[in-house]
Structures are given as structure tokens and as C-alpha cells.
Amino acid sequence: MNPPRQRRRSRHGFTLRELSIAIALGGAVMTVAISLVHHAFDWSTLARHRRMDDQTFFHLSRQLRSDLHVTRQADLQTSDTSGQTLRLSVVGDSDVVYTIAGQTVTRSETHQDAAIRNETYRFKRPRTLSLKRLESDNAIRLDVKSITPFDASEVPLWRSLRTSIGLRLRHQNGDIAS
């Protein structure tokens, strides 16, 4: 017969204590890894929404700028319930109306009272949009601000656009020297 010491040395495997420590460490590592994967998906979604908002602002600003440059008259109306409305009388008997409601800007174009085109610009992230008429410069300013979850903080300006009304018309008429 073998003495008890020799049996202990020749045994193969792990004790219950070693297995429980290994399982606990493996579980902690898996928990951290799963948490990081979830955060990566959230950050990816946030980055995608920011990129889409950048593209939305780029398209909106390009369209608004081109409409304002060929506008003869611009009327800005503000209402507490329906938001803001910018009516533009464009050269060629066309009218363009920009309506701001919440995080959405709707552009409607009509020619001789017939609807030509409707476009909607919608932001993914919480934003506030506002139009302002600058009388001194005969310009319109569009401000887009980020909404933060903190009530006490000031709403930061995210993007801004300032465009002169009828700039292209003044160039064509020779009112502005090139």
C-alpha cells in the first residue's frame, strides 16, 4: 500500500476552492467585458446620430442659403403654439415656406399656388431651433442649440447660420460690386 503522502502528490485536478476562485474571476472579467460592449454600442449610436444631425444641418443650411439669396421679400412670424414660420417670395413667382416645430424644419415650395416640393429636416439629438431677422444687415440667422439634461446649465449653441436676403439678386442688379 502507498502511504497517504504519495497519494496526495500523484493526484491530478483542481480543488473546489481553486475552481470557485477561477469561476469568480472569470465572471468578473465577463461582466466588465459585457458592460464595455454595451457602452460601445451606445457610443456608436450617439456618434451616428451626431453625424446624421451634421448632415441634416448641412443640407438645411445649403437649401436655406440658396433660397434666401434669391428672395425678394422675407417675412418671419413667431407663434407660441406652432413655432416659427419664414415666408420667402422667390424670383419667378415662387413662394417658399420654412416651418420650425420642435426639432423639425419643413420646407414647402409652391409655384402659382401649386405645390412643387415638400422637404422635412429632422434632427436626431435634442435640439432647439430658432430663426431671427437681423434688420440692420437685412439677413436671417438660424440658431440650432443642443438641449442638455441639466436644468441649471445654459443651452449651448451647436450650429449657427447667417445669410443675407437677396444677395444674389443684388449682385445681378449691380447693387453690390464684385
C-alpha atoms as a PDB file:
ATOM      1  CA  MET A   1       0.000   0.000   0.000  1.00  0.00           C
ATOM      2  CA  ASN A   2       1.007   3.523  -0.673  1.00  0.00           C
ATOM      3  CA  PRO A   3       1.390   5.900   2.199  1.00  0.00           C
ATOM      4  CA  PRO A   4      -1.080   8.890   2.202  1.00  0.00           C
ATOM      5  CA  ARG A   5       1.583  11.403   1.184  1.00  0.00           C
ATOM      6  CA  GLN A   6       2.324   9.667  -2.077  1.00  0.00           C
ATOM      7  CA  ARG A   7      -1.360   9.558  -2.991  1.00  0.00           C
ATOM      8  CA  ARG A   8      -1.615  13.304  -2.489  1.00  0.00           C
ATOM      9  CA  ARG A   9       1.337  14.047  -4.750  1.00  0.00           C
ATOM     10  CA  SER A  10       0.144  11.857  -7.564  1.00  0.00           C
ATOM     11  CA  ARG A  11      -3.392  13.244  -7.677  1.00  0.00           C
ATOM     12  CA  HIS A  12      -4.474  15.281 -10.772  1.00  0.00           C
ATOM     13  CA  GLY A  13      -7.109  18.085 -10.993  1.00  0.00           C
ATOM     14  CA  PHE A  14      -8.194  21.134  -9.018  1.00  0.00           C
ATOM     15  CA  THR A  15      -9.714  21.582  -5.639  1.00  0.00           C
ATOM     16  CA  LEU A  16     -13.157  23.062  -5.151  1.00  0.00           C
ATOM     17  CA  ARG A  17     -11.613  26.219  -3.726  1.00  0.00           C
ATOM     18  CA  GLU A  18      -9.408  26.729  -6.816  1.00  0.00           C
ATOM     19  CA  LEU A  19     -12.364  26.187  -9.155  1.00  0.00           C
ATOM     20  CA  SER A  20     -14.591  28.648  -7.281  1.00  0.00           C
ATOM     21  CA  ILE A  21     -11.870  31.348  -7.370  1.00  0.00           C
ATOM     22  CA  ALA A  22     -11.349  30.792 -11.102  1.00  0.00           C
ATOM     23  CA  ILE A  23     -15.101  30.977 -11.806  1.00  0.00           C
ATOM     24  CA  ALA A  24     -15.440  34.178  -9.725  1.00  0.00           C
ATOM     25  CA  LEU A  25     -12.549  35.864 -11.569  1.00  0.00           C
ATOM     26  CA  GLY A  26     -13.884  34.726 -14.953  1.00  0.00           C
ATOM     27  CA  GLY A  27     -17.353  36.057 -14.093  1.00  0.00           C
ATOM     28  CA  ALA A  28     -15.924  39.451 -13.088  1.00  0.00           C
ATOM     29  CA  VAL A  29     -13.951  39.697 -16.332  1.00  0.00           C
ATOM     30  CA  MET A  30     -17.052  38.742 -18.378  1.00  0.00           C
ATOM     31  CA  THR A  31     -19.182  41.332 -16.545  1.00  0.00           C
ATOM     32  CA  VAL A  32     -16.696  44.097 -17.330  1.00  0.00           C
ATOM     33  CA  ALA A  33     -16.407  42.953 -20.963  1.00  0.00           C
ATOM     34  CA  ILE A  34     -20.194  42.873 -21.486  1.00  0.00           C
ATOM     35  CA  SER A  35     -20.502  46.335 -19.906  1.00  0.00           C
ATOM     36  CA  LEU A  36     -17.859  47.703 -22.264  1.00  0.00           C
ATOM     37  CA  VAL A  37     -19.617  46.190 -25.284  1.00  0.00           C
ATOM     38  CA  HIS A  38     -22.908  47.821 -24.256  1.00  0.00           C
ATOM     39  CA  HIS A  39     -21.179  51.181 -23.813  1.00  0.00           C
ATOM     40  CA  ALA A  40     -19.534  50.810 -27.223  1.00  0.00           C
ATOM     41  CA  PHE A  41     -22.959  50.293 -28.841  1.00  0.00           C
ATOM     42  CA  ASP A  42     -24.329  53.359 -27.037  1.00  0.00           C
ATOM     43  CA  TRP A  43     -21.358  55.484 -28.133  1.00  0.00           C
ATOM     44  CA  SER A  44     -21.734  54.203 -31.685  1.00  0.00           C
ATOM     45  CA  THR A  45     -25.416  55.192 -31.731  1.00  0.00           C
ATOM     46  CA  LEU A  46     -24.586  58.614 -30.324  1.00  0.00           C
ATOM     47  CA  ALA A  47     -21.873  59.178 -32.939  1.00  0.00           C
ATOM     48  CA  ARG A  48     -24.220  58.066 -35.733  1.00  0.00           C
ATOM     49  CA  HIS A  49     -26.930  60.483 -34.535  1.00  0.00           C
ATOM     50  CA  ARG A  50     -24.417  63.339 -34.345  1.00  0.00           C
ATOM     51  CA  ARG A  51     -23.199  62.589 -37.870  1.00  0.00           C
ATOM     52  CA  MET A  52     -26.788  62.478 -39.151  1.00  0.00           C
ATOM     53  CA  ASP A  53     -27.520  65.814 -37.424  1.00  0.00           C
ATOM     54  CA  ASP A  54     -24.432  67.319 -39.072  1.00  0.00           C
ATOM     55  CA  GLN A  55     -25.658  66.131 -42.466  1.00  0.00           C
ATOM     56  CA  THR A  56     -29.178  67.431 -41.763  1.00  0.00           C
ATOM     57  CA  PHE A  57     -27.826  70.858 -40.806  1.00  0.00           C
ATOM     58  CA  PHE A  58     -25.564  70.915 -43.874  1.00  0.00           C
ATOM     59  CA  HIS A  59     -28.476  70.147 -46.241  1.00  0.00           C
ATOM     60  CA  LEU A  60     -30.817  72.569 -44.467  1.00  0.00           C
ATOM     61  CA  SER A  61     -28.274  75.391 -44.419  1.00  0.00           C
ATOM     62  CA  ARG A  62     -27.394  74.903 -48.086  1.00  0.00           C
ATOM     63  CA  GLN A  63     -31.083  74.977 -49.112  1.00  0.00           C
ATOM     64  CA  LEU A  64     -31.945  77.930 -46.849  1.00  0.00           C
ATOM     65  CA  ARG A  65     -28.932  79.903 -48.076  1.00  0.00           C
ATOM     66  CA  SER A  66     -29.777  79.347 -51.740  1.00  0.00           C
ATOM     67  CA  ASP A  67     -33.450  80.283 -51.129  1.00  0.00           C
ATOM     68  CA  LEU A  68     -32.578  83.434 -49.200  1.00  0.00           C
ATOM     69  CA  HIS A  69     -30.065  84.633 -51.794  1.00  0.00           C
ATOM     70  CA  VAL A  70     -32.779  84.758 -54.497  1.00  0.00           C
ATOM     71  CA  THR A  71     -35.532  86.125 -52.242  1.00  0.00           C
ATOM     72  CA  ARG A  72     -37.217  89.457 -52.867  1.00  0.00           C
ATOM     73  CA  GLN A  73     -39.092  89.542 -49.562  1.00  0.00           C
ATOM     74  CA  ALA A  74     -38.860  87.560 -46.329  1.00  0.00           C
ATOM     75  CA  ASP A  75     -41.477  87.563 -43.553  1.00  0.00           C
ATOM     76  CA  LEU A  76     -40.766  85.889 -40.231  1.00  0.00           C
ATOM     77  CA  GLN A  77     -43.692  85.008 -37.963  1.00  0.00           C
ATOM     78  CA  THR A  78     -43.404  83.568 -34.473  1.00  0.00           C
ATOM     79  CA  SER A  79     -46.208  81.767 -32.667  1.00  0.00           C
ATOM     80  CA  ASP A  80     -46.210  80.200 -29.220  1.00  0.00           C
ATOM     81  CA  THR A  81     -48.165  77.141 -30.347  1.00  0.00           C
ATOM     82  CA  SER A  82     -46.945  76.349 -33.855  1.00  0.00           C
ATOM     83  CA  GLY A  83     -43.323  77.554 -33.695  1.00  0.00           C
ATOM     84  CA  GLN A  84     -41.829  79.839 -36.338  1.00  0.00           C
ATOM     85  CA  THR A  85     -42.687  80.359 -39.988  1.00  0.00           C
ATOM     86  CA  LEU A  86     -40.436  82.028 -42.571  1.00  0.00           C
ATOM     87  CA  ARG A  87     -42.201  83.013 -45.815  1.00  0.00           C
ATOM     88  CA  LEU A  88     -39.987  83.806 -48.773  1.00  0.00           C
ATOM     89  CA  SER A  89     -41.063  85.382 -52.075  1.00  0.00           C
ATOM     90  CA  VAL A  90     -38.581  83.946 -54.536  1.00  0.00           C
ATOM     91  CA  VAL A  91     -37.911  85.242 -58.030  1.00  0.00           C
ATOM     92  CA  GLY A  92     -40.158  83.586 -60.623  1.00  0.00           C
ATOM     93  CA  ASP A  93     -43.499  83.746 -58.772  1.00  0.00           C
ATOM     94  CA  SER A  94     -42.495  81.007 -56.340  1.00  0.00           C
ATOM     95  CA  ASP A  95     -43.066  81.012 -52.619  1.00  0.00           C
ATOM     96  CA  VAL A  96     -41.069  79.032 -50.101  1.00  0.00           C
ATOM     97  CA  VAL A  97     -42.223  78.490 -46.518  1.00  0.00           C
ATOM     98  CA  TYR A  98     -39.968  77.183 -43.758  1.00  0.00           C
ATOM     99  CA  THR A  99     -41.834  75.998 -40.656  1.00  0.00           C
ATOM    100  CA  ILE A 100     -40.000  75.186 -37.439  1.00  0.00           C
ATOM    101  CA  ALA A 101     -41.837  72.941 -34.988  1.00  0.00           C
ATOM    102  CA  GLY A 102     -39.797  71.276 -32.260  1.00  0.00           C
ATOM    103  CA  GLN A 103     -36.768  69.531 -33.768  1.00  0.00           C
ATOM    104  CA  THR A 104     -38.216  69.556 -37.285  1.00  0.00           C
ATOM    105  CA  VAL A 105     -37.953  72.061 -40.116  1.00  0.00           C
ATOM    106  CA  THR A 106     -40.387  71.688 -43.008  1.00  0.00           C
ATOM    107  CA  ARG A 107     -39.756  73.405 -46.339  1.00  0.00           C
ATOM    108  CA  SER A 108     -42.714  73.835 -48.707  1.00  0.00           C
ATOM    109  CA  GLU A 109     -42.285  75.314 -52.168  1.00  0.00           C
ATOM    110  CA  THR A 110     -45.229  76.487 -54.278  1.00  0.00           C
ATOM    111  CA  HIS A 111     -45.388  77.995 -57.749  1.00  0.00           C
ATOM    112  CA  GLN A 112     -48.567  79.921 -58.608  1.00  0.00           C
ATOM    113  CA  ASP A 113     -50.397  78.262 -55.682  1.00  0.00           C
ATOM    114  CA  ALA A 114     -49.465  74.736 -56.824  1.00  0.00           C
ATOM    115  CA  ALA A 115     -47.285  72.646 -54.510  1.00  0.00           C
ATOM    116  CA  ILE A 116     -43.965  71.786 -56.112  1.00  0.00           C
ATOM    117  CA  ARG A 117     -41.901  70.246 -53.355  1.00  0.00           C
ATOM    118  CA  ASN A 118     -42.035  69.471 -49.632  1.00  0.00           C
ATOM    119  CA  GLU A 119     -38.969  68.575 -47.594  1.00  0.00           C
ATOM    120  CA  THR A 120     -38.564  67.729 -43.931  1.00  0.00           C
ATOM    121  CA  TYR A 121     -35.358  68.161 -41.962  1.00  0.00           C
ATOM    122  CA  ARG A 122     -35.453  66.269 -38.645  1.00  0.00           C
ATOM    123  CA  PHE A 123     -32.708  66.223 -36.021  1.00  0.00           C
ATOM    124  CA  LYS A 124     -31.989  63.031 -34.050  1.00  0.00           C
ATOM    125  CA  ARG A 125     -30.439  64.605 -30.945  1.00  0.00           C
ATOM    126  CA  PRO A 126     -32.494  67.000 -28.775  1.00  0.00           C
ATOM    127  CA  ARG A 127     -32.152  70.450 -30.363  1.00  0.00           C
ATOM    128  CA  THR A 128     -33.934  73.787 -30.270  1.00  0.00           C
ATOM    129  CA  LEU A 129     -34.143  75.741 -33.499  1.00  0.00           C
ATOM    130  CA  SER A 130     -34.830  79.440 -33.870  1.00  0.00           C
ATOM    131  CA  LEU A 131     -34.872  81.967 -36.689  1.00  0.00           C
ATOM    132  CA  LYS A 132     -34.118  85.631 -36.171  1.00  0.00           C
ATOM    133  CA  ARG A 133     -34.382  88.560 -38.582  1.00  0.00           C
ATOM    134  CA  LEU A 134     -31.390  90.897 -38.465  1.00  0.00           C
ATOM    135  CA  GLU A 135     -32.816  94.196 -39.724  1.00  0.00           C
ATOM    136  CA  SER A 136     -29.512  96.054 -39.749  1.00  0.00           C
ATOM    137  CA  ASP A 137     -27.892  93.592 -42.170  1.00  0.00           C
ATOM    138  CA  ASN A 138     -31.072  92.511 -43.991  1.00  0.00           C
ATOM    139  CA  ALA A 139     -30.224  88.941 -43.004  1.00  0.00           C
ATOM    140  CA  ILE A 140     -31.756  85.856 -41.396  1.00  0.00           C
ATOM    141  CA  ARG A 141     -29.962  83.885 -38.694  1.00  0.00           C
ATOM    142  CA  LEU A 142     -30.729  80.257 -37.887  1.00  0.00           C
ATOM    143  CA  ASP A 143     -29.505  79.082 -34.479  1.00  0.00           C
ATOM    144  CA  VAL A 144     -29.506  75.417 -33.517  1.00  0.00           C
ATOM    145  CA  LYS A 145     -28.836  74.729 -29.855  1.00  0.00           C
ATOM    146  CA  SER A 146     -28.218  71.476 -28.007  1.00  0.00           C
ATOM    147  CA  ILE A 147     -30.597  70.554 -25.221  1.00  0.00           C
ATOM    148  CA  THR A 148     -28.783  69.302 -22.148  1.00  0.00           C
ATOM    149  CA  PRO A 149     -30.314  67.233 -19.343  1.00  0.00           C
ATOM    150  CA  PHE A 150     -29.131  69.789 -16.790  1.00  0.00           C
ATOM    151  CA  ASP A 151     -31.776  72.382 -15.947  1.00  0.00           C
ATOM    152  CA  ALA A 152     -29.362  74.902 -14.474  1.00  0.00           C
ATOM    153  CA  SER A 153     -26.930  74.916 -17.412  1.00  0.00           C
ATOM    154  CA  GLU A 154     -27.189  77.341 -20.296  1.00  0.00           C
ATOM    155  CA  VAL A 155     -28.242  75.805 -23.609  1.00  0.00           C
ATOM    156  CA  PRO A 156     -25.086  75.676 -25.753  1.00  0.00           C
ATOM    157  CA  LEU A 157     -25.074  76.871 -29.364  1.00  0.00           C
ATOM    158  CA  TRP A 158     -24.449  73.857 -31.590  1.00  0.00           C
ATOM    159  CA  ARG A 159     -24.565  75.399 -35.088  1.00  0.00           C
ATOM    160  CA  SER A 160     -25.458  78.805 -36.481  1.00  0.00           C
ATOM    161  CA  LEU A 161     -26.112  80.135 -39.973  1.00  0.00           C
ATOM    162  CA  ARG A 162     -26.360  83.774 -41.023  1.00  0.00           C
ATOM    163  CA  THR A 163     -27.474  84.555 -44.565  1.00  0.00           C
ATOM    164  CA  SER A 164     -28.216  87.804 -46.396  1.00  0.00           C
ATOM    165  CA  ILE A 165     -31.596  88.212 -48.043  1.00  0.00           C
ATOM    166  CA  GLY A 166     -31.474  88.769 -51.814  1.00  0.00           C
ATOM    167  CA  LEU A 167     -27.688  88.677 -52.061  1.00  0.00           C
ATOM    168  CA  ARG A 168     -27.646  87.041 -55.500  1.00  0.00           C
ATOM    169  CA  LEU A 169     -30.301  89.476 -56.768  1.00  0.00           C
ATOM    170  CA  ARG A 170     -28.224  92.451 -55.605  1.00  0.00           C
ATOM    171  CA  HIS A 171     -25.177  91.032 -57.409  1.00  0.00           C
ATOM    172  CA  GLN A 172     -27.187  90.542 -60.605  1.00  0.00           C
ATOM    173  CA  ASN A 173     -28.641  94.074 -60.417  1.00  0.00           C
ATOM    174  CA  GLY A 174     -25.214  95.592 -59.824  1.00  0.00           C
ATOM    175  CA  ASP A 175     -26.095  96.883 -56.367  1.00  0.00           C
ATOM    176  CA  ILE A 176     -23.004  95.127 -54.986  1.00  0.00           C
ATOM    177  CA  ALA A 177     -19.662  95.414 -56.737  1.00  0.00           C
ATOM    178  CA  SER A 178     -17.904  92.090 -57.307  1.00  0.00           C
END
